[in-house]
């Protein structure tokens, strides 16, 4: 009969924890162009002099893991609850749900043709990629809800289960609606094909024609 010692059990548990931790750190993707809210909260967005992220006072809001805002796929029918769309409903990222006209740094963009880039830290079999934008007249001082967004994506690509290359930029050519101007929020979703999950990124933009 084989007996497991306390030491061997402890070692096995540590190994399991290490694997789980490594998976979390390596997972999975964020929008780097235009820079998403969580990416601008991260250490990777240091400007090289101030040594602080572009978006200040984010606490845990993507500081080290802008790629880990992962929750149920199928927005808008499912996915993160209203009021917690930016954080994916994940408590440690809840700072991302703060919302006011001045809370977040905005990326200046023009309407019409634009390039968006998802950077993948881990590839997944992909169902689709979608981009939504807030409606004209949305409440800039209220936490993001489905009612704030035009729920028809202005840009979509179906990948039908294809596997992207590992650690790469995935580029999209999208047309931002020309009837939008000023401060808007873009929601980018990456729905995984072989799990129930998706990755969510919100992007604060200042639009002009």
C-alpha atoms as a PDB file:
ATOM      1  CA  UNK A   1       0.000   0.000   0.000  1.00  0.00           C
ATOM      2  CA  UNK A   2       1.307   3.459  -0.909  1.00  0.00           C
ATOM      3  CA  UNK A   3       1.139   6.229   1.682  1.00  0.00           C
ATOM      4  CA  UNK A   4       1.357   9.943   0.977  1.00  0.00           C
ATOM      5  CA  UNK A   5       3.357  11.964   3.453  1.00  0.00           C
ATOM      6  CA  UNK A   6       2.320  15.428   4.586  1.00  0.00           C
ATOM      7  CA  UNK A   7       5.406  16.730   2.806  1.00  0.00           C
ATOM      8  CA  UNK A   8       4.463  15.162  -0.525  1.00  0.00           C
ATOM      9  CA  UNK A   9       0.877  16.419  -0.269  1.00  0.00           C
ATOM     10  CA  UNK A  10       2.129  19.929   0.521  1.00  0.00           C
ATOM     11  CA  UNK A  11       4.558  19.822  -2.396  1.00  0.00           C
ATOM     12  CA  UNK A  12       1.773  18.679  -4.717  1.00  0.00           C
ATOM     13  CA  UNK A  13      -0.492  21.491  -3.526  1.00  0.00           C
ATOM     14  CA  UNK A  14       2.249  24.054  -4.097  1.00  0.00           C
ATOM     15  CA  UNK A  15       2.747  22.746  -7.615  1.00  0.00           C
ATOM     16  CA  UNK A  16      -0.960  23.030  -8.349  1.00  0.00           C
ATOM     17  CA  UNK A  17      -1.073  26.554  -6.957  1.00  0.00           C
ATOM     18  CA  UNK A  18       1.958  27.529  -9.028  1.00  0.00           C
ATOM     19  CA  UNK A  19       0.349  26.224 -12.217  1.00  0.00           C
ATOM     20  CA  UNK A  20      -2.917  28.013 -11.472  1.00  0.00           C
ATOM     21  CA  UNK A  21      -1.076  31.224 -10.637  1.00  0.00           C
ATOM     22  CA  UNK A  22       1.014  31.033 -13.805  1.00  0.00           C
ATOM     23  CA  UNK A  23      -2.108  30.506 -15.903  1.00  0.00           C
ATOM     24  CA  UNK A  24      -3.724  33.590 -14.399  1.00  0.00           C
ATOM     25  CA  UNK A  25      -0.657  35.769 -14.918  1.00  0.00           C
ATOM     26  CA  UNK A  26      -0.293  34.648 -18.537  1.00  0.00           C
ATOM     27  CA  UNK A  27      -3.945  34.996 -19.449  1.00  0.00           C
ATOM     28  CA  UNK A  28      -5.104  36.361 -21.928  1.00  0.00           C
ATOM     29  CA  UNK A  29      -5.558  39.673 -23.838  1.00  0.00           C
ATOM     30  CA  UNK A  30      -6.218  43.418 -23.812  1.00  0.00           C
ATOM     31  CA  UNK A  31      -6.771  46.245 -26.285  1.00  0.00           C
ATOM     32  CA  UNK A  32      -3.540  48.196 -26.672  1.00  0.00           C
ATOM     33  CA  UNK A  33      -4.614  50.419 -29.587  1.00  0.00           C
ATOM     34  CA  UNK A  34      -6.403  52.608 -28.813  1.00  0.00           C
ATOM     35  CA  UNK A  35      -5.264  52.077 -25.229  1.00  0.00           C
ATOM     36  CA  UNK A  36      -8.031  50.596 -23.108  1.00  0.00           C
ATOM     37  CA  UNK A  37      -8.968  51.848 -19.650  1.00  0.00           C
ATOM     38  CA  UNK A  38      -7.371  48.831 -17.968  1.00  0.00           C
ATOM     39  CA  UNK A  39      -4.221  49.038 -20.097  1.00  0.00           C
ATOM     40  CA  UNK A  40      -3.804  52.704 -19.170  1.00  0.00           C
ATOM     41  CA  UNK A  41      -4.077  51.616 -15.527  1.00  0.00           C
ATOM     42  CA  UNK A  42      -1.271  49.090 -15.927  1.00  0.00           C
ATOM     43  CA  UNK A  43       2.418  49.362 -15.211  1.00  0.00           C
ATOM     44  CA  UNK A  44       3.017  48.840 -18.929  1.00  0.00           C
ATOM     45  CA  UNK A  45       1.575  52.289 -19.614  1.00  0.00           C
ATOM     46  CA  UNK A  46       4.295  54.137 -17.681  1.00  0.00           C
ATOM     47  CA  UNK A  47       5.331  57.241 -19.579  1.00  0.00           C
ATOM     48  CA  UNK A  48       9.013  56.654 -18.784  1.00  0.00           C
ATOM     49  CA  UNK A  49       9.421  59.644 -16.489  1.00  0.00           C
ATOM     50  CA  UNK A  50       6.670  59.871 -13.886  1.00  0.00           C
ATOM     51  CA  UNK A  51       6.613  56.096 -13.369  1.00  0.00           C
ATOM     52  CA  UNK A  52       2.887  56.141 -12.842  1.00  0.00           C
ATOM     53  CA  UNK A  53       0.239  54.662 -15.130  1.00  0.00           C
ATOM     54  CA  UNK A  54      -1.560  56.982 -17.535  1.00  0.00           C
ATOM     55  CA  UNK A  55      -4.775  56.371 -15.582  1.00  0.00           C
ATOM     56  CA  UNK A  56      -3.970  57.211 -11.935  1.00  0.00           C
ATOM     57  CA  UNK A  57      -5.414  55.762  -8.728  1.00  0.00           C
ATOM     58  CA  UNK A  58      -6.571  52.507 -10.258  1.00  0.00           C
ATOM     59  CA  UNK A  59      -5.491  50.425  -7.232  1.00  0.00           C
ATOM     60  CA  UNK A  60      -5.906  46.858  -8.503  1.00  0.00           C
ATOM     61  CA  UNK A  61      -7.785  47.952 -11.611  1.00  0.00           C
ATOM     62  CA  UNK A  62      -5.547  46.230 -14.139  1.00  0.00           C
ATOM     63  CA  UNK A  63      -2.266  47.362 -12.567  1.00  0.00           C
ATOM     64  CA  UNK A  64      -0.561  44.104 -13.466  1.00  0.00           C
ATOM     65  CA  UNK A  65      -3.279  42.198 -15.302  1.00  0.00           C
ATOM     66  CA  UNK A  66      -5.199  44.251 -17.878  1.00  0.00           C
ATOM     67  CA  UNK A  67      -5.409  40.963 -19.801  1.00  0.00           C
ATOM     68  CA  UNK A  68      -7.470  39.186 -17.134  1.00  0.00           C
ATOM     69  CA  UNK A  69     -10.899  40.830 -17.359  1.00  0.00           C
ATOM     70  CA  UNK A  70     -12.622  37.559 -18.166  1.00  0.00           C
ATOM     71  CA  UNK A  71     -16.201  36.544 -17.468  1.00  0.00           C
ATOM     72  CA  UNK A  72     -19.209  34.943 -19.160  1.00  0.00           C
ATOM     73  CA  UNK A  73     -19.503  35.454 -22.910  1.00  0.00           C
ATOM     74  CA  UNK A  74     -22.556  36.440 -24.919  1.00  0.00           C
ATOM     75  CA  UNK A  75     -22.905  40.184 -24.305  1.00  0.00           C
ATOM     76  CA  UNK A  76     -25.459  41.759 -24.165  1.00  0.00           C
ATOM     77  CA  UNK A  77     -27.719  38.785 -23.353  1.00  0.00           C
ATOM     78  CA  UNK A  78     -25.209  37.592 -20.750  1.00  0.00           C
ATOM     79  CA  UNK A  79     -21.801  38.736 -19.596  1.00  0.00           C
ATOM     80  CA  UNK A  80     -20.982  41.146 -16.760  1.00  0.00           C
ATOM     81  CA  UNK A  81     -23.859  42.756 -14.854  1.00  0.00           C
ATOM     82  CA  UNK A  82     -24.884  46.333 -15.506  1.00  0.00           C
ATOM     83  CA  UNK A  83     -22.736  48.735 -13.523  1.00  0.00           C
ATOM     84  CA  UNK A  84     -19.802  46.303 -13.649  1.00  0.00           C
ATOM     85  CA  UNK A  85     -19.156  46.053 -17.361  1.00  0.00           C
ATOM     86  CA  UNK A  86     -15.705  47.676 -17.224  1.00  0.00           C
ATOM     87  CA  UNK A  87     -14.483  45.304 -14.494  1.00  0.00           C
ATOM     88  CA  UNK A  88     -16.176  42.226 -15.898  1.00  0.00           C
ATOM     89  CA  UNK A  89     -17.843  41.905 -12.505  1.00  0.00           C
ATOM     90  CA  UNK A  90     -14.486  40.938 -10.971  1.00  0.00           C
ATOM     91  CA  UNK A  91     -14.084  42.481  -7.527  1.00  0.00           C
ATOM     92  CA  UNK A  92     -10.350  43.171  -7.688  1.00  0.00           C
ATOM     93  CA  UNK A  93     -10.925  45.218 -10.855  1.00  0.00           C
ATOM     94  CA  UNK A  94     -13.910  47.135  -9.448  1.00  0.00           C
ATOM     95  CA  UNK A  95     -12.055  50.472  -9.631  1.00  0.00           C
ATOM     96  CA  UNK A  96     -12.528  50.276 -13.393  1.00  0.00           C
ATOM     97  CA  UNK A  97     -16.273  50.722 -12.895  1.00  0.00           C
ATOM     98  CA  UNK A  98     -15.853  54.267 -11.568  1.00  0.00           C
ATOM     99  CA  UNK A  99     -17.388  56.661 -14.057  1.00  0.00           C
ATOM    100  CA  UNK A 100     -17.478  60.430 -14.483  1.00  0.00           C
ATOM    101  CA  UNK A 101     -16.798  62.865 -17.338  1.00  0.00           C
ATOM    102  CA  UNK A 102     -13.241  63.399 -16.043  1.00  0.00           C
ATOM    103  CA  UNK A 103     -12.263  60.151 -14.262  1.00  0.00           C
ATOM    104  CA  UNK A 104     -10.378  58.515 -17.130  1.00  0.00           C
ATOM    105  CA  UNK A 105      -7.795  59.600 -19.670  1.00  0.00           C
ATOM    106  CA  UNK A 106      -9.327  59.717 -23.138  1.00  0.00           C
ATOM    107  CA  UNK A 107      -7.716  58.725 -26.420  1.00  0.00           C
ATOM    108  CA  UNK A 108      -8.254  61.300 -29.166  1.00  0.00           C
ATOM    109  CA  UNK A 109      -9.680  59.637 -32.270  1.00  0.00           C
ATOM    110  CA  UNK A 110     -11.529  60.602 -35.410  1.00  0.00           C
ATOM    111  CA  UNK A 111     -14.727  58.926 -36.498  1.00  0.00           C
ATOM    112  CA  UNK A 112     -14.681  56.745 -39.584  1.00  0.00           C
ATOM    113  CA  UNK A 113     -11.880  54.295 -40.374  1.00  0.00           C
ATOM    114  CA  UNK A 114      -9.654  53.285 -37.448  1.00  0.00           C
ATOM    115  CA  UNK A 115      -7.348  50.439 -36.466  1.00  0.00           C
ATOM    116  CA  UNK A 116      -7.937  48.511 -33.254  1.00  0.00           C
ATOM    117  CA  UNK A 117      -5.401  46.056 -31.827  1.00  0.00           C
ATOM    118  CA  UNK A 118      -5.976  43.299 -29.294  1.00  0.00           C
ATOM    119  CA  UNK A 119      -2.690  42.057 -27.810  1.00  0.00           C
ATOM    120  CA  UNK A 120      -2.909  38.400 -26.799  1.00  0.00           C
ATOM    121  CA  UNK A 121      -0.818  37.038 -23.962  1.00  0.00           C
ATOM    122  CA  UNK A 122      -2.451  33.635 -24.440  1.00  0.00           C
ATOM    123  CA  UNK A 123      -4.326  32.424 -27.503  1.00  0.00           C
ATOM    124  CA  UNK A 124      -7.762  30.811 -27.388  1.00  0.00           C
ATOM    125  CA  UNK A 125     -10.007  29.242 -29.987  1.00  0.00           C
ATOM    126  CA  UNK A 126     -12.123  32.241 -30.937  1.00  0.00           C
ATOM    127  CA  UNK A 127     -15.834  32.624 -31.660  1.00  0.00           C
ATOM    128  CA  UNK A 128     -15.834  36.310 -32.522  1.00  0.00           C
ATOM    129  CA  UNK A 129     -14.569  39.814 -31.794  1.00  0.00           C
ATOM    130  CA  UNK A 130     -17.021  42.707 -31.403  1.00  0.00           C
ATOM    131  CA  UNK A 131     -16.915  46.443 -30.749  1.00  0.00           C
ATOM    132  CA  UNK A 132     -19.792  48.459 -29.267  1.00  0.00           C
ATOM    133  CA  UNK A 133     -20.038  52.201 -28.613  1.00  0.00           C
ATOM    134  CA  UNK A 134     -22.093  54.353 -26.278  1.00  0.00           C
ATOM    135  CA  UNK A 135     -25.176  56.108 -27.598  1.00  0.00           C
ATOM    136  CA  UNK A 136     -25.404  59.828 -28.134  1.00  0.00           C
ATOM    137  CA  UNK A 137     -26.576  61.396 -24.889  1.00  0.00           C
ATOM    138  CA  UNK A 138     -25.319  58.571 -22.642  1.00  0.00           C
ATOM    139  CA  UNK A 139     -24.910  59.423 -18.956  1.00  0.00           C
ATOM    140  CA  UNK A 140     -21.179  60.055 -18.466  1.00  0.00           C
ATOM    141  CA  UNK A 141     -21.565  60.141 -14.669  1.00  0.00           C
ATOM    142  CA  UNK A 142     -23.259  56.749 -14.247  1.00  0.00           C
ATOM    143  CA  UNK A 143     -21.591  53.342 -14.147  1.00  0.00           C
ATOM    144  CA  UNK A 144     -21.767  51.673 -17.555  1.00  0.00           C
ATOM    145  CA  UNK A 145     -24.914  49.691 -18.329  1.00  0.00           C
ATOM    146  CA  UNK A 146     -26.319  48.040 -21.414  1.00  0.00           C
ATOM    147  CA  UNK A 147     -28.716  50.929 -21.871  1.00  0.00           C
ATOM    148  CA  UNK A 148     -25.719  53.249 -22.353  1.00  0.00           C
ATOM    149  CA  UNK A 149     -24.562  51.320 -25.435  1.00  0.00           C
ATOM    150  CA  UNK A 150     -25.783  50.834 -28.955  1.00  0.00           C
ATOM    151  CA  UNK A 151     -26.154  47.048 -28.683  1.00  0.00           C
ATOM    152  CA  UNK A 152     -25.523  46.486 -32.384  1.00  0.00           C
ATOM    153  CA  UNK A 153     -21.733  46.235 -32.739  1.00  0.00           C
ATOM    154  CA  UNK A 154     -20.223  48.775 -35.118  1.00  0.00           C
ATOM    155  CA  UNK A 155     -17.475  46.278 -35.914  1.00  0.00           C
ATOM    156  CA  UNK A 156     -17.458  42.473 -35.790  1.00  0.00           C
ATOM    157  CA  UNK A 157     -15.302  39.598 -36.993  1.00  0.00           C
ATOM    158  CA  UNK A 158     -16.331  35.942 -36.822  1.00  0.00           C
ATOM    159  CA  UNK A 159     -13.421  33.536 -36.392  1.00  0.00           C
ATOM    160  CA  UNK A 160     -15.564  30.382 -36.171  1.00  0.00           C
ATOM    161  CA  UNK A 161     -13.309  28.618 -33.673  1.00  0.00           C
ATOM    162  CA  UNK A 162      -9.971  29.524 -35.271  1.00  0.00           C
ATOM    163  CA  UNK A 163      -6.936  29.678 -32.988  1.00  0.00           C
ATOM    164  CA  UNK A 164      -4.916  32.928 -33.161  1.00  0.00           C
ATOM    165  CA  UNK A 165      -1.145  32.762 -33.001  1.00  0.00           C
ATOM    166  CA  UNK A 166       0.323  33.032 -29.508  1.00  0.00           C
ATOM    167  CA  UNK A 167       1.380  36.434 -28.102  1.00  0.00           C
ATOM    168  CA  UNK A 168       0.492  38.497 -31.116  1.00  0.00           C
ATOM    169  CA  UNK A 169      -1.300  41.651 -32.163  1.00  0.00           C
ATOM    170  CA  UNK A 170      -4.713  40.998 -33.694  1.00  0.00           C
ATOM    171  CA  UNK A 171      -5.646  43.961 -35.897  1.00  0.00           C
ATOM    172  CA  UNK A 172      -9.100  45.146 -36.893  1.00  0.00           C
ATOM    173  CA  UNK A 173     -10.115  47.833 -39.366  1.00  0.00           C
ATOM    174  CA  UNK A 174     -13.293  49.368 -38.004  1.00  0.00           C
ATOM    175  CA  UNK A 175     -15.453  52.360 -38.847  1.00  0.00           C
ATOM    176  CA  UNK A 176     -16.504  54.371 -35.803  1.00  0.00           C
ATOM    177  CA  UNK A 177     -19.966  55.864 -36.443  1.00  0.00           C
ATOM    178  CA  UNK A 178     -19.654  59.380 -37.807  1.00  0.00           C
ATOM    179  CA  UNK A 179     -22.596  60.671 -35.771  1.00  0.00           C
ATOM    180  CA  UNK A 180     -20.608  60.355 -32.519  1.00  0.00           C
ATOM    181  CA  UNK A 181     -18.609  63.262 -31.119  1.00  0.00           C
ATOM    182  CA  UNK A 182     -16.892  64.065 -27.829  1.00  0.00           C
ATOM    183  CA  UNK A 183     -16.532  61.614 -24.965  1.00  0.00           C
ATOM    184  CA  UNK A 184     -17.684  58.072 -25.687  1.00  0.00           C
ATOM    185  CA  UNK A 185     -16.819  54.613 -24.398  1.00  0.00           C
ATOM    186  CA  UNK A 186     -16.088  51.708 -26.714  1.00  0.00           C
ATOM    187  CA  UNK A 187     -16.604  48.177 -25.403  1.00  0.00           C
ATOM    188  CA  UNK A 188     -14.489  45.478 -27.052  1.00  0.00           C
ATOM    189  CA  UNK A 189     -15.360  41.816 -26.505  1.00  0.00           C
ATOM    190  CA  UNK A 190     -13.419  38.678 -27.408  1.00  0.00           C
ATOM    191  CA  UNK A 191     -15.658  35.606 -27.150  1.00  0.00           C
ATOM    192  CA  UNK A 192     -13.831  32.299 -26.752  1.00  0.00           C
ATOM    193  CA  UNK A 193     -15.198  29.379 -28.783  1.00  0.00           C
ATOM    194  CA  UNK A 194     -14.473  26.389 -26.545  1.00  0.00           C
ATOM    195  CA  UNK A 195     -15.311  27.851 -23.110  1.00  0.00           C
ATOM    196  CA  UNK A 196     -18.199  29.860 -21.679  1.00  0.00           C
ATOM    197  CA  UNK A 197     -16.001  32.928 -21.217  1.00  0.00           C
ATOM    198  CA  UNK A 198     -15.053  36.135 -22.974  1.00  0.00           C
ATOM    199  CA  UNK A 199     -12.625  38.990 -22.382  1.00  0.00           C
ATOM    200  CA  UNK A 200     -13.903  42.542 -21.965  1.00  0.00           C
ATOM    201  CA  UNK A 201     -12.144  45.877 -22.488  1.00  0.00           C
ATOM    202  CA  UNK A 202     -13.550  49.394 -22.314  1.00  0.00           C
ATOM    203  CA  UNK A 203     -11.856  52.259 -24.131  1.00  0.00           C
ATOM    204  CA  UNK A 204     -12.402  55.924 -23.274  1.00  0.00           C
ATOM    205  CA  UNK A 205     -12.235  58.047 -26.418  1.00  0.00           C
ATOM    206  CA  UNK A 206     -12.663  61.676 -27.389  1.00  0.00           C
ATOM    207  CA  UNK A 207     -14.120  61.674 -30.893  1.00  0.00           C
ATOM    208  CA  UNK A 208     -13.994  64.311 -33.586  1.00  0.00           C
ATOM    209  CA  UNK A 209     -14.776  64.294 -37.291  1.00  0.00           C
END
